[in-house]
Amino acid sequence: MSSTKPFFTDEQRWQAVLDRDPQAEDRFLYSVKTTGIFCRVTCGARLPLRENVAFHPSTAAARSAGFRPCRRCKPEGEPLSAEWSEVVAKACRTIEESTVAPSNSALAAAAAMSSSHFQRVFKQATGMTPKVYARSVRSARVREELHRESSITEAAYNAGFRSSSRFYAGSTEVLGMTPTSYRQGGGGLVIRFGVGECSLGSILAAATERGICAIFMGDDPEALARQLQSRFPNADIIGGEQEFERWMAEVISLVESPRAGIHLPLDVRGTVFQHQVWQALRDIPAGSTATYSEIAQRIGKPTAARAVAAACAANNLAVAIPCHRVVRADQTISGYRWGVERKIQLLGREADSE
């Protein structure tokens, strides 16, 4: 497994051991003087005390220092990442092919692992737990079913929901609207929008009766309007209303003076995980940044940095949910849905206004 993370210091290596970081697996090994063994970074054994740990660049170096290989993680064998990839791939196929989501214990038993170890391996590989993965599969399945001719109740059952009430209870968060509206491509929804110009180019703001549901930025105002239309092809989309101009002005003001914050209601729709990430983004003060890994730590999912990046990319509310304040581990700026140059300008503007 290749890695871009630095593991130059013992402090960085020890942190990788604490995290059981799979990115460090082929970078070094650690030994425990009280047991006389050496292990992979990802070994599931009980963590030793820091004062008993030493680090080694290779199995040969660990053996030369007088340590023997751990029987649990077998550090002289093939990298566990390859074995784990197959285990996780098989579990994903099982989840995808099951009408009712299998339990974590059942998946772990099939992989010949303990439940806690299996969940950790699965989460390291996918950035989410088996339960959350099953939920995402079921959500994708219900979207497909709703495009068929079956009733909404049949679609819910065919997608694996055990009761229609459970499906309806979470349907707005899953689909971003009611099942009926989703099935009709946003039919029945009234969305008001405006397009304006700001120092970063064209900007579109749109709102449902619940609040601002989209803020897009780009170079072509017509392209932004097409993006909104493609997301809600059958919604009643209304533009050019004078009463919406006040909301439009506040959105533009947020771009020009991001420290002021937004005081309009927001219609934020997404998965439970996305909501956790987006709330963490809103907690980043203007003028500050956080890494994807730091956000993952803050929401209690330290191995979900990639999933955090995906949630940032899925954010439809530019600036209002400040995904521009998230940077890579090496502090470089990349990965912004509305263009890296806009991200640089937003960060620079916030820094200059301190």
Protein backbone atom coordinates (compact mmCIF):
# COMPACT_ATOMS: atom_id res chain seq x y z
CA MET A 1 0.00 0.00 0.00
CA SER A 2 1.47 3.31 -1.05
CA SER A 3 1.32 6.33 1.20
CA THR A 4 1.72 10.05 0.93
CA LYS A 5 1.73 10.60 4.68
CA PRO A 6 5.05 11.43 6.34
CA PHE A 7 6.30 8.99 8.97
CA PHE A 8 9.68 10.57 9.52
CA THR A 9 9.62 10.96 13.30
CA ASP A 10 8.94 8.50 16.09
CA GLU A 11 6.05 10.73 17.16
CA GLN A 12 4.43 10.35 13.74
CA ARG A 13 5.06 6.61 13.75
CA TRP A 14 3.58 6.18 17.21
CA GLN A 15 0.48 8.11 16.18
CA ALA A 16 0.13 5.74 13.22
CA VAL A 17 0.30 2.79 15.63
CA LEU A 18 -2.39 4.35 17.83
CA ASP A 19 -4.57 4.88 14.75
CA ARG A 20 -3.64 1.48 13.29
CA ASP A 21 -3.18 3.51 10.12
CA PRO A 22 -3.17 1.22 7.06
CA GLN A 23 -1.23 3.85 5.08
CA ALA A 24 1.79 3.14 7.28
CA GLU A 25 1.70 -0.62 6.83
CA ASP A 26 4.54 -0.84 4.31
CA ARG A 27 6.57 1.99 5.84
CA PHE A 28 7.79 0.49 9.12
CA LEU A 29 7.17 -2.10 11.84
CA TYR A 30 7.13 -1.72 15.59
CA SER A 31 8.50 -3.96 18.33
CA VAL A 32 7.58 -4.36 21.99
CA LYS A 33 10.49 -5.02 24.32
CA THR A 34 8.35 -6.58 27.07
CA THR A 35 7.06 -9.31 24.73
CA GLY A 36 10.02 -9.58 22.36
CA ILE A 37 7.85 -9.47 19.26
CA PHE A 38 7.47 -7.12 16.30
CA CYS A 39 4.19 -6.27 14.59
CA ARG A 40 2.57 -4.54 11.67
CA VAL A 41 1.25 -1.04 12.35
CA THR A 42 -2.27 -2.40 11.84
CA CYS A 43 -1.93 -5.31 14.28
CA GLY A 44 -5.11 -5.82 16.28
CA ALA A 45 -3.28 -6.80 19.47
CA ARG A 46 -3.63 -4.72 22.60
CA LEU A 47 -1.63 -1.51 22.30
CA PRO A 48 1.61 -1.49 24.30
CA LEU A 49 2.98 1.32 26.44
CA ARG A 50 4.89 3.90 24.45
CA GLU A 51 8.11 3.44 26.47
CA ASN A 52 8.26 -0.23 25.42
CA VAL A 53 8.00 0.45 21.68
CA ALA A 54 10.74 0.77 19.05
CA PHE A 55 10.40 1.18 15.29
CA HIS A 56 12.11 -0.75 12.47
CA PRO A 57 12.26 -0.11 8.72
CA SER A 58 12.04 -3.81 7.79
CA THR A 59 11.48 -7.32 9.11
CA ALA A 60 15.21 -7.96 8.75
CA ALA A 61 16.01 -4.97 10.95
CA ALA A 62 13.50 -6.10 13.58
CA ARG A 63 14.97 -9.61 13.61
CA SER A 64 18.50 -8.22 13.81
CA ALA A 65 17.43 -6.32 16.91
CA GLY A 66 16.43 -9.61 18.50
CA PHE A 67 12.64 -9.59 18.01
CA ARG A 68 10.46 -12.38 16.62
CA PRO A 69 7.40 -11.90 14.38
CA CYS A 70 3.91 -11.60 15.87
CA ARG A 71 1.77 -14.68 15.27
CA ARG A 72 -1.37 -12.60 15.08
CA CYS A 73 -0.53 -10.09 12.33
CA LYS A 74 2.27 -12.18 10.67
CA PRO A 75 4.44 -9.24 9.62
CA GLU A 76 6.66 -11.38 7.38
CA GLY A 77 3.75 -12.44 5.18
CA GLU A 78 2.02 -10.63 2.34
CA PRO A 79 0.68 -7.18 3.23
CA LEU A 80 -2.63 -7.51 4.98
CA SER A 81 -4.07 -4.76 2.82
CA ALA A 82 -4.40 -7.16 -0.12
CA GLU A 83 -6.12 -9.78 2.04
CA TRP A 84 -8.37 -7.17 3.62
CA SER A 85 -9.36 -5.79 0.23
CA GLU A 86 -10.77 -9.18 -0.75
CA VAL A 87 -12.52 -9.59 2.61
CA VAL A 88 -14.14 -6.17 2.32
CA ALA A 89 -15.03 -6.69 -1.36
CA LYS A 90 -16.77 -9.95 -0.47
CA ALA A 91 -18.65 -8.28 2.39
CA CYS A 92 -19.75 -5.46 0.07
CA ARG A 93 -21.06 -7.99 -2.45
CA THR A 94 -22.97 -9.77 0.33
CA ILE A 95 -24.56 -6.49 1.43
CA GLU A 96 -25.43 -5.52 -2.14
CA GLU A 97 -27.00 -8.90 -2.93
CA SER A 98 -29.03 -9.16 0.31
CA THR A 99 -32.65 -8.07 0.52
CA VAL A 100 -32.25 -7.44 4.24
CA ALA A 101 -28.93 -5.98 5.36
CA PRO A 102 -26.81 -8.67 7.10
CA SER A 103 -25.67 -7.93 10.63
CA ASN A 104 -22.11 -6.94 11.42
CA SER A 105 -21.67 -10.17 13.40
CA ALA A 106 -22.81 -12.27 10.42
CA LEU A 107 -20.41 -10.48 8.07
CA ALA A 108 -17.58 -10.85 10.60
CA ALA A 109 -18.26 -14.58 11.02
CA ALA A 110 -18.12 -15.06 7.24
CA ALA A 111 -14.73 -13.28 7.24
CA ALA A 112 -13.50 -15.36 10.20
CA MET A 113 -12.91 -12.19 12.24
CA SER A 114 -14.22 -10.79 15.48
CA SER A 115 -16.99 -8.22 15.04
CA SER A 116 -14.82 -5.34 16.26
CA HIS A 117 -11.85 -6.29 14.08
CA PHE A 118 -14.05 -6.76 11.00
CA GLN A 119 -15.75 -3.41 11.51
CA ARG A 120 -12.38 -1.68 11.87
CA VAL A 121 -11.04 -3.34 8.70
CA PHE A 122 -14.21 -2.49 6.76
CA LYS A 123 -14.15 1.10 7.91
CA GLN A 124 -10.46 1.52 7.03
CA ALA A 125 -11.16 0.27 3.51
CA THR A 126 -14.41 2.10 2.78
CA GLY A 127 -14.48 5.05 5.18
CA MET A 128 -17.79 3.88 6.68
CA THR A 129 -19.16 1.10 8.84
CA PRO A 130 -20.97 -1.89 7.31
CA LYS A 131 -24.25 -0.48 8.65
CA VAL A 132 -23.73 2.88 6.92
CA TYR A 133 -22.62 1.13 3.72
CA ALA A 134 -25.78 -1.01 3.79
CA ARG A 135 -27.84 2.15 4.28
CA SER A 136 -26.21 3.79 1.25
CA VAL A 137 -26.84 0.65 -0.85
CA ARG A 138 -30.47 0.61 0.26
CA SER A 139 -30.82 4.32 -0.55
CA ALA A 140 -29.46 3.77 -4.06
CA ARG A 141 -31.79 0.79 -4.46
CA VAL A 142 -34.87 2.74 -3.43
CA ARG A 143 -34.00 5.47 -5.94
CA GLU A 144 -33.95 2.82 -8.68
CA GLU A 145 -37.20 1.30 -7.47
CA LEU A 146 -38.96 4.66 -7.43
CA HIS A 147 -38.23 5.02 -11.14
CA ARG A 148 -40.13 1.79 -11.81
CA GLU A 149 -43.88 1.40 -12.09
CA SER A 150 -44.30 -0.06 -8.59
CA SER A 151 -45.98 1.91 -5.81
CA ILE A 152 -43.89 3.82 -3.29
CA THR A 153 -44.69 1.18 -0.64
CA GLU A 154 -43.54 -1.60 -2.99
CA ALA A 155 -40.39 0.37 -3.81
CA ALA A 156 -39.58 0.67 -0.10
CA TYR A 157 -40.02 -3.06 0.52
CA ASN A 158 -38.13 -4.05 -2.63
CA ALA A 159 -35.23 -1.85 -1.52
CA GLY A 160 -35.00 -3.65 1.82
CA PHE A 161 -36.98 -1.42 4.17
CA ARG A 162 -38.85 -3.65 6.60
CA SER A 163 -41.73 -1.23 6.99
CA SER A 164 -43.08 1.67 4.98
CA SER A 165 -43.23 3.80 8.14
CA ARG A 166 -39.49 3.41 8.67
CA PHE A 167 -38.86 4.40 5.06
CA TYR A 168 -41.12 7.46 5.19
CA ALA A 169 -39.58 8.58 8.49
CA GLY A 170 -36.18 9.02 6.86
CA SER A 171 -37.16 9.50 3.23
CA THR A 172 -36.54 13.25 3.07
CA GLU A 173 -32.99 12.82 4.39
CA VAL A 174 -32.36 9.89 2.02
CA LEU A 175 -33.85 11.42 -1.11
CA GLY A 176 -33.65 15.17 -0.41
CA MET A 177 -37.43 15.45 -0.82
CA THR A 178 -40.57 13.41 -0.30
CA PRO A 179 -40.75 10.08 -2.18
CA THR A 180 -43.57 11.42 -4.35
CA SER A 181 -41.57 14.51 -5.31
CA TYR A 182 -38.46 12.41 -6.01
CA ARG A 183 -40.40 10.04 -8.21
CA GLN A 184 -41.73 13.03 -10.13
CA GLY A 185 -38.26 14.58 -10.53
CA GLY A 186 -39.05 17.23 -7.96
CA GLY A 187 -42.66 17.53 -9.09
CA GLY A 188 -44.69 19.52 -6.59
CA LEU A 189 -41.66 21.39 -5.31
CA VAL A 190 -41.54 25.14 -5.77
CA ILE A 191 -37.99 26.43 -6.02
CA ARG A 192 -37.22 30.12 -6.32
CA PHE A 193 -33.83 31.18 -7.59
CA GLY A 194 -31.75 34.11 -8.65
CA VAL A 195 -28.47 34.51 -10.53
CA GLY A 196 -26.05 37.35 -9.96
CA GLU A 197 -22.44 38.38 -10.26
CA CYS A 198 -19.86 38.62 -7.51
CA SER A 199 -16.11 39.06 -7.35
CA LEU A 200 -15.68 35.31 -7.94
CA GLY A 201 -17.84 35.17 -11.06
CA SER A 202 -21.44 34.09 -11.50
CA ILE A 203 -23.43 32.84 -8.53
CA LEU A 204 -26.82 31.15 -8.25
CA ALA A 205 -28.92 30.84 -5.11
CA ALA A 206 -32.08 28.75 -4.90
CA ALA A 207 -34.56 28.13 -2.10
CA THR A 208 -37.47 25.88 -1.23
CA GLU A 209 -40.07 26.86 1.34
CA ARG A 210 -37.67 25.48 3.99
CA GLY A 211 -34.75 27.73 3.06
CA ILE A 212 -31.71 28.06 0.77
CA CYS A 213 -31.19 24.68 -0.91
CA ALA A 214 -28.42 25.52 -3.38
CA ILE A 215 -25.61 28.01 -3.87
CA PHE A 216 -23.60 27.37 -7.03
CA MET A 217 -20.63 29.34 -8.41
CA GLY A 218 -19.17 29.31 -11.90
CA ASP A 219 -18.32 31.28 -15.00
CA ASP A 220 -21.56 30.85 -16.96
CA PRO A 221 -24.88 31.88 -15.35
CA GLU A 222 -26.86 29.82 -17.86
CA ALA A 223 -24.84 26.72 -16.97
CA LEU A 224 -25.65 27.27 -13.29
CA ALA A 225 -29.35 27.48 -14.09
CA ARG A 226 -29.08 24.24 -16.09
CA GLN A 227 -27.45 22.53 -13.10
CA LEU A 228 -30.42 23.49 -10.94
CA GLN A 229 -32.89 22.34 -13.59
CA SER A 230 -31.14 18.98 -14.04
CA ARG A 231 -31.26 18.34 -10.30
CA PHE A 232 -35.01 19.03 -10.14
CA PRO A 233 -36.25 18.38 -13.69
CA ASN A 234 -39.95 18.51 -12.81
CA ALA A 235 -39.94 21.09 -10.04
CA ASP A 236 -41.68 24.41 -10.47
CA ILE A 237 -38.58 26.60 -10.74
CA ILE A 238 -39.27 30.32 -10.56
CA GLY A 239 -36.72 33.04 -11.26
CA GLY A 240 -36.65 36.80 -11.31
CA GLU A 241 -38.89 37.44 -8.32
CA GLN A 242 -38.23 40.79 -6.73
CA GLU A 243 -38.82 39.50 -3.19
CA PHE A 244 -36.02 36.95 -3.69
CA GLU A 245 -33.54 39.73 -4.41
CA ARG A 246 -32.95 40.33 -0.68
CA TRP A 247 -31.92 36.70 -0.20
CA MET A 248 -29.75 36.92 -3.30
CA ALA A 249 -28.02 40.03 -1.95
CA GLU A 250 -27.24 38.29 1.35
CA VAL A 251 -25.75 35.30 -0.45
CA ILE A 252 -23.51 37.58 -2.51
CA SER A 253 -22.55 39.43 0.67
CA LEU A 254 -21.51 36.11 2.19
CA VAL A 255 -19.04 35.63 -0.66
CA GLU A 256 -17.67 39.14 -0.37
CA SER A 257 -17.52 39.14 3.45
CA PRO A 258 -17.51 35.51 4.58
CA ARG A 259 -16.80 36.42 8.21
CA ALA A 260 -20.25 37.97 8.44
CA GLY A 261 -21.90 34.57 8.20
CA ILE A 262 -25.29 33.78 6.73
CA HIS A 263 -28.53 34.53 8.55
CA LEU A 264 -30.95 32.95 6.10
CA PRO A 265 -32.61 29.58 6.78
CA LEU A 266 -30.91 26.66 5.06
CA ASP A 267 -32.57 23.60 3.55
CA VAL A 268 -29.69 21.16 4.07
CA ARG A 269 -30.42 17.64 2.85
CA GLY A 270 -28.13 14.65 2.81
CA THR A 271 -27.22 11.45 4.58
CA VAL A 272 -26.58 11.28 8.32
CA PHE A 273 -22.84 11.14 7.67
CA GLN A 274 -22.96 14.14 5.33
CA HIS A 275 -24.85 16.14 7.92
CA GLN A 276 -22.14 15.33 10.49
CA VAL A 277 -19.42 16.50 8.12
CA TRP A 278 -21.27 19.64 7.05
CA GLN A 279 -21.93 20.64 10.64
CA ALA A 280 -18.23 20.18 11.41
CA LEU A 281 -17.42 22.44 8.44
CA ARG A 282 -19.73 25.14 9.79
CA ASP A 283 -17.86 24.93 13.10
CA ILE A 284 -14.55 25.92 11.45
CA PRO A 285 -14.03 29.63 12.22
CA ALA A 286 -13.49 32.02 9.32
CA GLY A 287 -9.77 32.50 8.79
CA SER A 288 -9.01 28.94 9.95
CA THR A 289 -8.64 25.67 8.07
CA ALA A 290 -8.86 21.98 8.93
CA THR A 291 -7.67 18.86 7.15
CA TYR A 292 -9.92 16.05 5.98
CA SER A 293 -8.40 13.82 8.68
CA GLU A 294 -9.08 16.43 11.37
CA ILE A 295 -12.72 16.65 10.34
CA ALA A 296 -12.95 12.85 10.45
CA GLN A 297 -11.52 12.94 13.97
CA ARG A 298 -13.98 15.63 15.07
CA ILE A 299 -17.01 13.61 13.99
CA GLY A 300 -15.70 10.50 15.71
CA LYS A 301 -14.72 8.64 12.53
CA PRO A 302 -10.91 8.94 12.41
CA THR A 303 -10.44 6.62 9.42
CA ALA A 304 -13.07 8.28 7.22
CA ALA A 305 -10.96 11.04 5.67
CA ARG A 306 -11.84 9.96 2.12
CA ALA A 307 -15.53 9.83 2.97
CA VAL A 308 -15.21 13.33 4.43
CA ALA A 309 -13.72 14.51 1.13
CA ALA A 310 -16.68 12.96 -0.71
CA ALA A 311 -19.12 14.73 1.60
CA CYS A 312 -17.35 18.02 0.92
CA ALA A 313 -17.68 17.41 -2.82
CA ALA A 314 -21.42 16.71 -2.38
CA ASN A 315 -22.02 20.06 -0.65
CA ASN A 316 -24.52 22.12 -2.65
CA LEU A 317 -24.26 25.24 -0.48
CA ALA A 318 -21.04 26.99 -1.45
CA VAL A 319 -19.64 29.28 1.26
CA ALA A 320 -22.71 28.81 3.52
CA ILE A 321 -21.29 25.38 4.34
CA PRO A 322 -17.60 26.35 4.10
CA CYS A 323 -15.99 23.30 2.50
CA HIS A 324 -13.38 25.75 1.16
CA ARG A 325 -11.83 25.74 4.67
CA VAL A 326 -10.77 22.10 4.33
CA VAL A 327 -7.24 21.46 3.03
CA ARG A 328 -4.99 18.48 2.52
CA ALA A 329 -2.75 17.08 5.25
CA ASP A 330 0.26 18.90 3.79
CA GLN A 331 -1.78 22.16 3.85
CA THR A 332 -1.95 22.36 0.06
CA ILE A 333 -5.20 23.58 -1.49
CA SER A 334 -7.07 21.30 -3.85
CA GLY A 335 -10.36 19.64 -4.53
CA TYR A 336 -12.95 22.41 -4.64
CA ARG A 337 -16.17 21.83 -6.54
CA TRP A 338 -16.31 25.43 -7.75
CA GLY A 339 -12.64 25.71 -8.72
CA VAL A 340 -9.39 25.78 -6.77
CA GLU A 341 -8.77 29.42 -7.68
CA ARG A 342 -12.03 30.43 -5.98
CA LYS A 343 -11.02 28.42 -2.93
CA ILE A 344 -7.68 30.23 -2.76
CA GLN A 345 -9.41 33.61 -3.05
CA LEU A 346 -11.95 32.79 -0.33
CA LEU A 347 -9.24 31.65 2.09
CA GLY A 348 -7.11 34.68 1.30
CA ARG A 349 -10.06 37.00 1.81
CA GLU A 350 -10.81 35.48 5.22
CA ALA A 351 -7.17 35.67 6.27
CA ASP A 352 -6.88 39.32 5.21
CA SER A 353 -9.98 40.30 7.20
CA GLU A 354 -8.59 39.06 10.52
